[in-house]
Amino acid sequence: GPAALGGLLGNASAPVMDALEAWAKPLGVAFQLRDDLLSTFESSCDTGKPGDDLRHGKHNAVVAAFHRLDPSEEAKEAVRRVWGHIDAPEAEVEQARAALEQSGVRVSVESRLTELVAASNAALAAGPFAEEGRAVLSEVTLRLTHRGK
């Protein structure tokens, strides 16, 4: 949406609009994956977000990857203890985060995020953008997908 709006406001040609869409679609998903990683593995003090997704019981890409990776019963129990428990003790939240990490969740989500950034960058490189525009969009890609790093 925002990329299309920018293209429309800039009176972009149809090929530029198509290229903006090809750049923005994978970027939007990558942005959400970064957000899910931050709100699961980082503290609210570090991210400025209101709380973590584990305590709020949010279904996000991290949780989906956790179930897809078939974690151990011990790991499942560690996550269950805090899932949706807003007042879960920090020590238990840390155990759940460790269980997610040990189950390969962060690596799996980061890998998918990297693939999406590559697709976005490839679309950017192939698009009919002026060099200045390409540089701006490249910076946007970096900032949206490397927050908190």
Protein backbone atom coordinates (compact mmCIF):
# COMPACT_ATOMS: atom_id res chain seq x y z
CA GLY A 1 0.00 0.00 0.00
CA PRO A 2 2.50 2.67 1.00
CA ALA A 3 4.77 1.89 -1.96
CA ALA A 4 1.84 2.04 -4.38
CA LEU A 5 0.69 5.30 -2.84
CA GLY A 6 4.17 6.77 -3.30
CA GLY A 7 4.19 5.64 -6.91
CA LEU A 8 0.78 7.13 -7.54
CA LEU A 9 1.74 10.43 -5.92
CA GLY A 10 4.91 10.47 -8.01
CA ASN A 11 2.93 9.78 -11.17
CA ALA A 12 4.91 6.55 -11.77
CA SER A 13 4.54 4.62 -15.00
CA ALA A 14 2.94 1.17 -15.05
CA PRO A 15 6.34 -0.60 -15.18
CA VAL A 16 7.54 1.37 -12.14
CA MET A 17 4.32 0.58 -10.28
CA ASP A 18 4.81 -3.13 -11.05
CA ALA A 19 8.41 -2.93 -9.87
CA LEU A 20 7.34 -1.16 -6.66
CA GLU A 21 4.87 -3.96 -5.98
CA ALA A 22 7.50 -6.64 -6.67
CA TRP A 23 9.84 -4.88 -4.22
CA ALA A 24 7.25 -4.16 -1.54
CA LYS A 25 5.46 -7.53 -1.27
CA PRO A 26 8.39 -9.54 0.07
CA LEU A 27 9.57 -6.52 2.05
CA GLY A 28 6.25 -6.29 3.89
CA VAL A 29 6.47 -9.92 4.98
CA ALA A 30 10.13 -9.51 5.96
CA PHE A 31 9.19 -6.47 8.06
CA GLN A 32 6.57 -8.53 9.90
CA LEU A 33 9.01 -11.37 10.50
CA ARG A 34 11.50 -8.92 12.04
CA ASP A 35 8.70 -7.52 14.19
CA ASP A 36 7.76 -11.04 15.36
CA LEU A 37 11.39 -11.84 16.21
CA LEU A 38 11.80 -8.61 18.15
CA SER A 39 8.59 -8.97 20.11
CA THR A 40 9.39 -12.58 21.02
CA PHE A 41 13.11 -12.53 21.74
CA GLU A 42 13.79 -8.95 22.84
CA SER A 43 12.57 -7.11 25.92
CA SER A 44 10.05 -4.28 25.71
CA CYS A 45 12.73 -1.97 27.15
CA ASP A 46 14.94 -2.71 24.13
CA THR A 47 12.24 -2.54 21.48
CA GLY A 48 9.93 0.14 22.83
CA LYS A 49 7.02 -2.20 22.13
CA PRO A 50 4.28 -2.52 24.77
CA GLY A 51 5.00 -6.16 25.62
CA ASP A 52 6.18 -9.47 24.33
CA ASP A 53 4.20 -11.82 22.13
CA LEU A 54 4.68 -14.83 24.39
CA ARG A 55 2.97 -13.27 27.38
CA HIS A 56 0.22 -11.93 25.14
CA GLY A 57 -0.34 -15.31 23.49
CA LYS A 58 0.08 -13.92 19.99
CA HIS A 59 0.16 -16.27 17.04
CA ASN A 60 3.08 -15.04 14.98
CA ALA A 61 5.75 -16.41 12.65
CA VAL A 62 7.89 -17.50 15.60
CA VAL A 63 5.10 -19.60 17.05
CA ALA A 64 4.25 -21.06 13.64
CA ALA A 65 7.90 -22.05 13.12
CA PHE A 66 8.02 -23.57 16.60
CA HIS A 67 5.12 -25.89 15.83
CA ARG A 68 6.42 -26.69 12.36
CA LEU A 69 9.84 -27.70 13.74
CA ASP A 70 8.28 -30.35 16.04
CA PRO A 71 9.95 -29.28 19.32
CA SER A 72 10.61 -31.52 22.31
CA GLU A 73 7.96 -31.96 25.00
CA GLU A 74 10.21 -30.03 27.38
CA ALA A 75 10.35 -27.10 24.97
CA LYS A 76 6.58 -27.22 24.45
CA GLU A 77 6.04 -27.14 28.21
CA ALA A 78 8.38 -24.17 28.65
CA VAL A 79 6.39 -22.20 26.08
CA ARG A 80 3.01 -23.34 27.48
CA ARG A 81 3.95 -22.01 30.94
CA VAL A 82 4.12 -18.44 29.65
CA TRP A 83 1.87 -18.48 26.57
CA GLY A 84 -0.94 -16.02 27.17
CA HIS A 85 0.05 -15.40 30.80
CA ILE A 86 0.59 -11.67 30.97
CA ASP A 87 2.04 -11.92 34.47
CA ALA A 88 4.40 -14.83 33.76
CA PRO A 89 7.66 -14.45 35.70
CA GLU A 90 10.59 -13.17 33.67
CA ALA A 91 12.61 -16.31 34.50
CA GLU A 92 9.95 -18.50 32.87
CA VAL A 93 9.76 -16.20 29.85
CA GLU A 94 13.52 -16.53 29.48
CA GLN A 95 13.20 -20.34 29.64
CA ALA A 96 10.56 -20.21 26.91
CA ARG A 97 12.77 -17.98 24.77
CA ALA A 98 15.67 -20.39 25.29
CA ALA A 99 13.43 -23.32 24.29
CA LEU A 100 12.42 -21.48 21.12
CA GLU A 101 16.05 -20.68 20.36
CA GLN A 102 17.20 -24.27 20.97
CA SER A 103 14.38 -25.57 18.76
CA GLY A 104 15.88 -23.64 15.83
CA VAL A 105 13.07 -21.12 15.62
CA ARG A 106 15.16 -17.97 15.39
CA VAL A 107 17.41 -19.49 12.72
CA SER A 108 14.38 -20.66 10.73
CA VAL A 109 12.59 -17.29 10.82
CA GLU A 110 15.82 -15.36 10.15
CA SER A 111 16.49 -17.61 7.16
CA ARG A 112 13.06 -16.89 5.70
CA LEU A 113 13.53 -13.19 6.38
CA THR A 114 16.85 -13.27 4.52
CA GLU A 115 15.19 -14.96 1.53
CA LEU A 116 12.49 -12.29 1.44
CA VAL A 117 15.03 -9.45 1.65
CA ALA A 118 16.94 -11.05 -1.24
CA ALA A 119 13.73 -11.21 -3.29
CA SER A 120 12.98 -7.59 -2.50
CA ASN A 121 16.51 -6.51 -3.40
CA ALA A 122 16.38 -8.53 -6.64
CA ALA A 123 13.14 -6.78 -7.61
CA LEU A 124 14.75 -3.47 -6.76
CA ALA A 125 17.79 -4.23 -8.91
CA ALA A 126 15.63 -5.34 -11.84
CA GLY A 127 13.18 -2.44 -11.62
CA PRO A 128 13.27 0.61 -13.87
CA PHE A 129 14.25 2.96 -11.06
CA ALA A 130 16.52 5.97 -11.23
CA GLU A 131 19.71 5.45 -9.21
CA GLU A 132 18.64 7.96 -6.57
CA GLY A 133 15.28 6.21 -6.15
CA ARG A 134 16.94 2.79 -6.02
CA ALA A 135 19.29 4.06 -3.29
CA VAL A 136 16.37 5.40 -1.22
CA LEU A 137 14.40 2.16 -1.58
CA SER A 138 17.49 0.14 -0.70
CA GLU A 139 17.89 2.16 2.49
CA VAL A 140 14.21 1.64 3.31
CA THR A 141 14.69 -2.12 2.85
CA LEU A 142 17.64 -2.11 5.22
CA ARG A 143 15.94 -0.04 7.90
CA LEU A 144 12.72 -2.04 7.87
CA THR A 145 14.39 -5.42 8.06
CA HIS A 146 17.35 -4.77 10.37
CA ARG A 147 15.56 -2.97 13.19
CA GLY A 148 16.91 -3.90 16.59
CA LYS A 149 20.12 -5.35 15.15
